[in-house]
Amino acid sequence: LSSSGLLYPGNEIADHFHAAAHLQPDRYLDWVDPEFASAWPTMVAQMKAWPQRSLVSHELFATATATQVEKLMSDLSFADEVHVLVTVRDLGRQLPSVWQENVKNQRTATIGEFVDSVLAHAPGTSEMAAGREEPFWEFQDYVRILRTWAPFVGAERVHVITVPKTRTGDDLWNRFLSVIGVDPAALTIPVPDLNSSLSAAQTEFVRRLNTRLQPDDIEWRRYERVMKGQVIGEILFAEREGRAQRLSGEHLRWAAEHSHAMIADIAAAGYRVVGDLDDLAVDPTDERTEALTDAEVLDVALGTVAALVQSAALPKTRQHWQTRTANVVRRVRRRALGVRRKLR
């Protein structure tokens, strides 16, 4: 990115992840590896030596507390200005998207159970909800996230970048670049889109399979490599046909109401909006009435099994029996030749 005047610090992309995790050691205890403790100090040193703009980016920064943000800002005290950029998508699309990501990571809640949990644990809920909370608000409560960061940089340096209702080309990317002052023409290296989505039927297939692949059934390394890497990453992503999961009924109407309140909070805070706050609104009438059928899920399951069979290595047991069969045939032939010789 140096030709654009922008520095993306670190020696590799994962350094931004390690920086965010080490900022919050108690929260991300399993990910705080002493081997990567130098990632953030190295990034700071690189930014100090860089005369122009720098970009630090990772979703884990969304969970930082005010105390942790204060520490990070102290490390960046050499900078002339620090700006906070947050990209935000409406709840109508974000709820099914997060549910899908949870399913990709071994969760078993149905879309209905997931949204019920999100609703029950929503910010401002008066009563403590019972039951296990599904992961959502810690990363998606953008009102809270912005309120945490804004006091350290000022509302005028907080940028809310909305995801367009209709994705056309690089609209979101261009909105982001406009904030950091980078010409898209300077970024010429193609980057593959690794953030692919599954259809509703594909996600439901993975969710049902997860009920038999919980931590007591399979170690995470195997789940990550086989399920996430092969089944999802290679097979299902290659066959992304079918409709996307969407909200309906009371869930859709609740999302519309809650979105309206969140939009009002953002407007009142005085942040700089890149795009349009209407992008964050949810239309309560935009409902899909078609229910997902077991036949659709079964079709995905059969297609996935077929793809696994076609790509799997030949089992060793089959090779073993092939060898034994070949040996038996050779022994029979040798005996037949021996009998012929005796008859002669």
Protein backbone atom coordinates (compact mmCIF):
# COMPACT_ATOMS: atom_id res chain seq x y z
CA LEU A 1 0.00 0.00 0.00
CA SER A 2 3.01 2.31 0.17
CA SER A 3 2.35 3.73 -3.31
CA SER A 4 -0.99 5.05 -2.01
CA GLY A 5 0.63 6.78 0.94
CA LEU A 6 -1.03 4.34 3.33
CA LEU A 7 0.83 1.98 5.68
CA TYR A 8 -0.75 -1.30 6.77
CA PRO A 9 1.67 -2.05 9.62
CA GLY A 10 2.89 -5.46 10.70
CA ASN A 11 4.96 -8.18 9.12
CA GLU A 12 1.86 -10.21 8.23
CA ILE A 13 -1.91 -9.72 8.29
CA ALA A 14 -2.31 -11.83 11.44
CA ASP A 15 -0.37 -9.20 13.41
CA HIS A 16 -3.54 -7.07 13.59
CA PHE A 17 -5.38 -10.01 15.17
CA HIS A 18 -2.59 -10.55 17.68
CA ALA A 19 -2.52 -6.84 18.50
CA ALA A 20 -6.25 -6.81 19.28
CA ALA A 21 -6.08 -10.05 21.29
CA HIS A 22 -3.08 -8.90 23.38
CA LEU A 23 -4.90 -5.65 24.13
CA GLN A 24 -7.61 -7.78 25.82
CA PRO A 25 -5.71 -10.68 27.43
CA ASP A 26 -8.42 -11.66 29.91
CA ARG A 27 -11.10 -11.84 27.24
CA TYR A 28 -9.02 -13.66 24.65
CA LEU A 29 -6.92 -15.80 26.97
CA ASP A 30 -6.83 -18.78 24.57
CA TRP A 31 -5.48 -16.59 21.75
CA VAL A 32 -2.90 -14.57 23.65
CA ASP A 33 0.27 -16.35 22.59
CA PRO A 34 3.52 -14.98 24.11
CA GLU A 35 5.21 -15.77 20.80
CA PHE A 36 3.27 -12.87 19.23
CA ALA A 37 3.57 -10.39 22.10
CA SER A 38 5.84 -8.21 19.96
CA ALA A 39 3.28 -7.78 17.16
CA TRP A 40 1.76 -4.55 18.48
CA PRO A 41 5.08 -2.90 19.57
CA THR A 42 6.46 -3.69 16.10
CA MET A 43 3.42 -2.14 14.44
CA VAL A 44 3.72 0.97 16.61
CA ALA A 45 7.40 1.35 15.70
CA GLN A 46 6.58 1.03 12.00
CA MET A 47 3.84 3.65 12.25
CA LYS A 48 6.13 6.05 14.13
CA ALA A 49 8.65 5.80 11.31
CA TRP A 50 6.01 6.25 8.59
CA PRO A 51 5.42 9.90 7.63
CA GLN A 52 1.88 9.43 6.29
CA ARG A 53 -1.34 7.61 7.23
CA SER A 54 -1.51 4.15 8.78
CA LEU A 55 -4.40 1.71 9.06
CA VAL A 56 -4.96 -0.74 11.94
CA SER A 57 -7.98 -3.00 11.49
CA HIS A 58 -9.51 -6.02 13.18
CA GLU A 59 -13.00 -6.91 14.40
CA LEU A 60 -11.70 -7.86 17.87
CA PHE A 61 -11.12 -4.18 18.63
CA ALA A 62 -14.94 -3.93 18.85
CA THR A 63 -14.91 -5.62 22.26
CA ALA A 64 -12.27 -3.37 23.85
CA THR A 65 -13.22 -1.63 27.09
CA ALA A 66 -12.69 2.07 27.76
CA THR A 67 -9.58 1.25 29.83
CA GLN A 68 -8.13 -0.80 26.99
CA VAL A 69 -8.93 1.89 24.41
CA GLU A 70 -7.18 4.42 26.64
CA LYS A 71 -4.06 2.21 26.68
CA LEU A 72 -4.12 1.87 22.89
CA MET A 73 -4.52 5.62 22.46
CA SER A 74 -1.55 6.18 24.77
CA ASP A 75 0.55 3.99 22.47
CA LEU A 76 -0.62 6.13 19.53
CA SER A 77 0.07 9.47 21.25
CA PHE A 78 2.72 10.26 18.64
CA ALA A 79 0.02 10.50 15.91
CA ASP A 80 -1.29 13.90 14.79
CA GLU A 81 -4.81 12.47 14.59
CA VAL A 82 -6.52 9.16 15.29
CA HIS A 83 -9.81 8.36 13.57
CA VAL A 84 -12.23 5.49 14.25
CA LEU A 85 -13.95 3.81 11.30
CA VAL A 86 -16.81 1.35 11.76
CA THR A 87 -18.63 -0.35 8.90
CA VAL A 88 -22.26 -1.11 9.75
CA ARG A 89 -24.94 -3.23 8.06
CA ASP A 90 -28.66 -3.29 8.85
CA LEU A 91 -30.02 -5.90 11.28
CA GLY A 92 -32.20 -7.47 8.59
CA ARG A 93 -29.07 -8.72 6.84
CA GLN A 94 -26.69 -8.86 9.79
CA LEU A 95 -28.73 -11.21 11.97
CA PRO A 96 -28.87 -14.08 9.40
CA SER A 97 -25.22 -13.42 8.52
CA VAL A 98 -24.01 -13.73 12.13
CA TRP A 99 -26.20 -16.81 12.67
CA GLN A 100 -24.51 -18.39 9.66
CA GLU A 101 -21.03 -17.56 10.98
CA ASN A 102 -21.96 -19.08 14.33
CA VAL A 103 -23.12 -22.26 12.58
CA LYS A 104 -19.84 -22.40 10.68
CA ASN A 105 -18.17 -22.48 14.07
CA GLN A 106 -19.99 -25.50 15.54
CA ARG A 107 -23.07 -23.76 17.00
CA THR A 108 -26.38 -25.64 16.88
CA ALA A 109 -29.07 -22.98 17.47
CA THR A 110 -31.74 -22.68 14.77
CA ILE A 111 -32.28 -19.28 13.17
CA GLY A 112 -35.38 -18.86 15.32
CA GLU A 113 -33.57 -19.76 18.55
CA PHE A 114 -30.72 -17.47 17.60
CA VAL A 115 -32.90 -14.40 16.97
CA ASP A 116 -34.94 -15.12 20.11
CA SER A 117 -31.69 -14.99 22.10
CA VAL A 118 -30.58 -11.78 20.39
CA LEU A 119 -33.93 -10.17 21.16
CA ALA A 120 -33.91 -11.35 24.78
CA HIS A 121 -30.40 -10.00 25.42
CA ALA A 122 -30.75 -6.77 23.43
CA PRO A 123 -29.25 -3.62 25.00
CA GLY A 124 -31.81 -1.95 27.22
CA THR A 125 -33.73 -5.15 27.99
CA SER A 126 -35.19 -4.64 31.45
CA GLU A 127 -35.16 -8.24 32.67
CA MET A 128 -32.25 -10.66 32.74
CA ALA A 129 -32.93 -13.26 30.07
CA ALA A 130 -32.72 -16.94 30.91
CA GLY A 131 -30.83 -19.52 28.89
CA ARG A 132 -27.57 -19.44 26.97
CA GLU A 133 -26.88 -16.23 25.08
CA GLU A 134 -25.99 -16.70 21.43
CA PRO A 135 -22.97 -14.63 20.28
CA PHE A 136 -24.13 -11.39 18.70
CA TRP A 137 -24.25 -8.14 20.65
CA GLU A 138 -20.64 -8.10 21.82
CA PHE A 139 -19.59 -7.41 18.20
CA GLN A 140 -22.79 -6.00 16.71
CA ASP A 141 -23.94 -3.35 19.20
CA TYR A 142 -22.43 -0.54 17.17
CA VAL A 143 -24.07 2.10 19.38
CA ARG A 144 -22.10 0.84 22.41
CA ILE A 145 -18.91 0.31 20.41
CA LEU A 146 -18.95 3.88 19.11
CA ARG A 147 -19.76 5.29 22.53
CA THR A 148 -16.72 3.48 23.92
CA TRP A 149 -14.29 4.88 21.35
CA ALA A 150 -15.72 8.35 20.68
CA PRO A 151 -14.55 10.04 23.92
CA PHE A 152 -10.93 9.33 23.03
CA VAL A 153 -10.97 10.79 19.51
CA GLY A 154 -14.01 13.09 19.42
CA ALA A 155 -17.29 12.53 17.58
CA GLU A 156 -15.99 14.45 14.57
CA ARG A 157 -13.31 11.76 14.06
CA VAL A 158 -15.71 8.83 14.29
CA HIS A 159 -16.85 7.60 10.87
CA VAL A 160 -19.87 5.33 10.42
CA ILE A 161 -19.60 3.67 7.02
CA THR A 162 -22.91 2.10 6.02
CA VAL A 163 -23.15 -0.98 3.84
CA PRO A 164 -25.30 -0.13 0.79
CA LYS A 165 -28.69 -1.79 0.57
CA THR A 166 -27.82 -3.03 -2.88
CA ARG A 167 -24.22 -4.06 -3.40
CA THR A 168 -23.01 -2.74 -6.73
CA GLY A 169 -19.38 -3.27 -7.59
CA ASP A 170 -17.04 -1.76 -4.99
CA ASP A 171 -19.44 0.74 -3.39
CA LEU A 172 -18.55 -0.20 0.19
CA TRP A 173 -14.84 -0.38 -0.58
CA ASN A 174 -14.92 3.04 -2.19
CA ARG A 175 -16.76 4.50 0.79
CA PHE A 176 -14.07 3.14 3.07
CA LEU A 177 -11.23 4.45 0.90
CA SER A 178 -12.85 7.89 0.74
CA VAL A 179 -12.51 8.19 4.53
CA ILE A 180 -8.83 7.24 4.64
CA GLY A 181 -8.05 9.33 1.58
CA VAL A 182 -6.79 6.60 -0.72
CA ASP A 183 -7.32 6.52 -4.48
CA PRO A 184 -8.69 3.08 -5.50
CA ALA A 185 -6.54 3.24 -8.64
CA ALA A 186 -3.42 2.94 -6.47
CA LEU A 187 -4.54 -0.47 -5.17
CA THR A 188 -3.88 -2.76 -8.09
CA ILE A 189 -3.28 -6.16 -6.44
CA PRO A 190 -6.38 -8.39 -6.79
CA VAL A 191 -7.62 -9.90 -3.53
CA PRO A 192 -9.89 -12.98 -3.55
CA ASP A 193 -13.24 -12.72 -1.78
CA LEU A 194 -12.90 -15.17 1.13
CA ASN A 195 -16.01 -14.05 2.98
CA SER A 196 -18.52 -16.19 1.10
CA SER A 197 -22.07 -16.92 2.18
CA LEU A 198 -24.08 -20.13 2.24
CA SER A 199 -27.70 -20.54 1.22
CA ALA A 200 -30.36 -21.13 3.85
CA ALA A 201 -30.48 -24.86 3.03
CA GLN A 202 -26.69 -25.20 3.18
CA THR A 203 -26.51 -23.45 6.54
CA GLU A 204 -29.30 -25.60 7.95
CA PHE A 205 -27.49 -28.73 6.74
CA VAL A 206 -24.30 -27.66 8.55
CA ARG A 207 -26.30 -26.79 11.68
CA ARG A 208 -27.93 -30.22 11.80
CA LEU A 209 -24.58 -31.90 11.21
CA ASN A 210 -23.14 -29.86 14.09
CA THR A 211 -25.48 -31.66 16.50
CA ARG A 212 -23.30 -34.73 15.92
CA LEU A 213 -20.00 -32.85 15.83
CA GLN A 214 -19.79 -31.12 19.18
CA PRO A 215 -16.53 -30.75 21.15
CA ASP A 216 -17.06 -34.13 22.84
CA ASP A 217 -17.39 -35.75 19.42
CA ILE A 218 -14.58 -34.10 17.47
CA GLU A 219 -11.48 -32.08 18.26
CA TRP A 220 -11.51 -28.51 17.01
CA ARG A 221 -8.51 -29.00 14.72
CA ARG A 222 -10.31 -31.73 12.80
CA TYR A 223 -13.57 -29.74 12.68
CA GLU A 224 -11.72 -26.68 11.41
CA ARG A 225 -9.86 -28.56 8.68
CA VAL A 226 -12.53 -30.97 7.52
CA MET A 227 -15.79 -29.08 8.14
CA LYS A 228 -14.69 -25.47 7.69
CA GLY A 229 -11.87 -26.09 5.23
CA GLN A 230 -13.23 -28.89 3.04
CA VAL A 231 -16.98 -29.32 3.48
CA ILE A 232 -17.80 -25.60 3.76
CA GLY A 233 -14.80 -23.95 2.09
CA GLU A 234 -14.45 -26.26 -0.91
CA ILE A 235 -17.73 -28.12 -1.45
CA LEU A 236 -20.57 -25.88 -0.24
CA PHE A 237 -19.00 -22.61 -1.39
CA ALA A 238 -18.62 -24.10 -4.87
CA GLU A 239 -22.36 -24.90 -5.01
CA ARG A 240 -23.93 -21.75 -3.58
CA GLU A 241 -27.38 -22.14 -5.08
CA GLY A 242 -30.66 -21.47 -3.35
CA ARG A 243 -32.17 -18.58 -1.49
CA ALA A 244 -30.48 -16.76 1.36
CA GLN A 245 -31.75 -16.91 4.92
CA ARG A 246 -33.94 -13.95 5.81
CA LEU A 247 -35.98 -12.78 8.78
CA SER A 248 -39.74 -13.06 8.93
CA GLY A 249 -42.73 -12.45 11.19
CA GLU A 250 -42.13 -10.99 14.64
CA HIS A 251 -38.38 -11.23 14.23
CA LEU A 252 -38.47 -8.98 11.17
CA ARG A 253 -40.74 -6.46 12.87
CA TRP A 254 -38.55 -6.41 15.99
CA ALA A 255 -35.45 -5.84 13.84
CA ALA A 256 -37.17 -2.89 12.16
CA GLU A 257 -38.09 -1.30 15.48
CA HIS A 258 -34.70 -1.85 17.09
CA SER A 259 -32.87 -0.58 14.00
CA HIS A 260 -34.92 2.62 14.14
CA ALA A 261 -33.76 3.24 17.73
CA MET A 262 -30.10 2.50 16.89
CA ILE A 263 -30.18 4.83 13.89
CA ALA A 264 -31.59 7.62 16.09
CA ASP A 265 -28.71 7.16 18.55
CA ILE A 266 -26.13 7.43 15.76
CA ALA A 267 -27.76 10.53 14.29
CA ALA A 268 -27.87 12.24 17.68
CA ALA A 269 -24.24 11.49 18.48
CA GLY A 270 -22.91 13.65 15.66
CA TYR A 271 -20.67 11.07 14.04
CA ARG A 272 -19.67 11.45 10.42
CA VAL A 273 -21.80 9.16 8.28
CA VAL A 274 -20.37 7.86 5.03
CA GLY A 275 -23.23 6.57 2.94
CA ASP A 276 -26.78 6.95 4.22
CA LEU A 277 -28.36 6.09 7.57
CA ASP A 278 -31.32 4.79 5.60
CA ASP A 279 -29.01 1.91 4.66
CA LEU A 280 -29.39 0.72 8.27
CA ALA A 281 -33.19 0.73 8.27
CA VAL A 282 -35.15 -2.53 8.07
CA ASP A 283 -38.40 -2.74 6.11
CA PRO A 284 -40.91 -4.69 8.27
CA THR A 285 -42.95 -5.57 5.18
CA ASP A 286 -40.02 -7.12 3.29
CA GLU A 287 -40.93 -10.62 4.37
CA ARG A 288 -40.24 -13.94 2.73
CA THR A 289 -42.98 -16.47 3.40
CA GLU A 290 -41.40 -19.56 1.80
CA ALA A 291 -40.41 -22.03 4.51
CA LEU A 292 -37.27 -24.10 4.16
CA THR A 293 -38.12 -27.76 3.53
CA ASP A 294 -36.42 -30.95 4.65
CA ALA A 295 -36.15 -31.93 0.98
CA GLU A 296 -33.97 -28.87 0.28
CA VAL A 297 -31.69 -29.73 3.20
CA LEU A 298 -31.51 -33.39 2.13
CA ASP A 299 -30.54 -32.36 -1.38
CA VAL A 300 -27.61 -30.37 0.03
CA ALA A 301 -26.61 -33.31 2.23
CA LEU A 302 -26.62 -35.78 -0.67
CA GLY A 303 -24.65 -33.40 -2.87
CA THR A 304 -22.07 -32.92 -0.13
CA VAL A 305 -21.65 -36.65 0.48
CA ALA A 306 -21.32 -37.25 -3.26
CA ALA A 307 -18.59 -34.61 -3.50
CA LEU A 308 -16.76 -36.12 -0.53
CA VAL A 309 -16.86 -39.60 -2.10
CA GLN A 310 -15.56 -38.25 -5.40
CA SER A 311 -12.66 -36.42 -3.77
CA ALA A 312 -11.74 -38.85 -0.98
CA ALA A 313 -8.52 -40.85 -1.12
CA LEU A 314 -8.97 -44.57 -1.71
CA PRO A 315 -9.29 -46.30 1.68
CA LYS A 316 -6.31 -48.35 2.79
CA THR A 317 -8.58 -51.28 3.57
CA ARG A 318 -9.67 -51.45 -0.05
CA GLN A 319 -6.09 -51.40 -1.25
CA HIS A 320 -5.32 -54.15 1.26
CA TRP A 321 -8.11 -56.40 -0.05
CA GLN A 322 -7.08 -55.65 -3.62
CA THR A 323 -3.55 -56.80 -2.76
CA ARG A 324 -4.84 -59.96 -1.06
CA THR A 325 -7.08 -60.75 -4.01
CA ALA A 326 -4.19 -60.29 -6.42
CA ASN A 327 -2.01 -62.55 -4.28
CA VAL A 328 -4.68 -65.28 -4.25
CA VAL A 329 -4.99 -65.09 -8.04
CA ARG A 330 -1.22 -65.38 -8.41
CA ARG A 331 -1.11 -68.41 -6.08
CA VAL A 332 -3.89 -70.14 -8.04
CA ARG A 333 -2.02 -69.51 -11.29
CA ARG A 334 1.22 -70.87 -9.84
CA ARG A 335 -0.54 -74.02 -8.65
CA ALA A 336 -2.16 -74.50 -12.06
CA LEU A 337 1.24 -74.22 -13.74
CA GLY A 338 2.70 -76.70 -11.26
CA VAL A 339 -0.06 -79.22 -11.97
CA ARG A 340 0.50 -78.87 -15.73
CA ARG A 341 4.22 -79.51 -15.30
CA LYS A 342 3.57 -82.67 -13.26
CA LEU A 343 1.15 -83.96 -15.87
CA ARG A 344 3.83 -83.56 -18.49
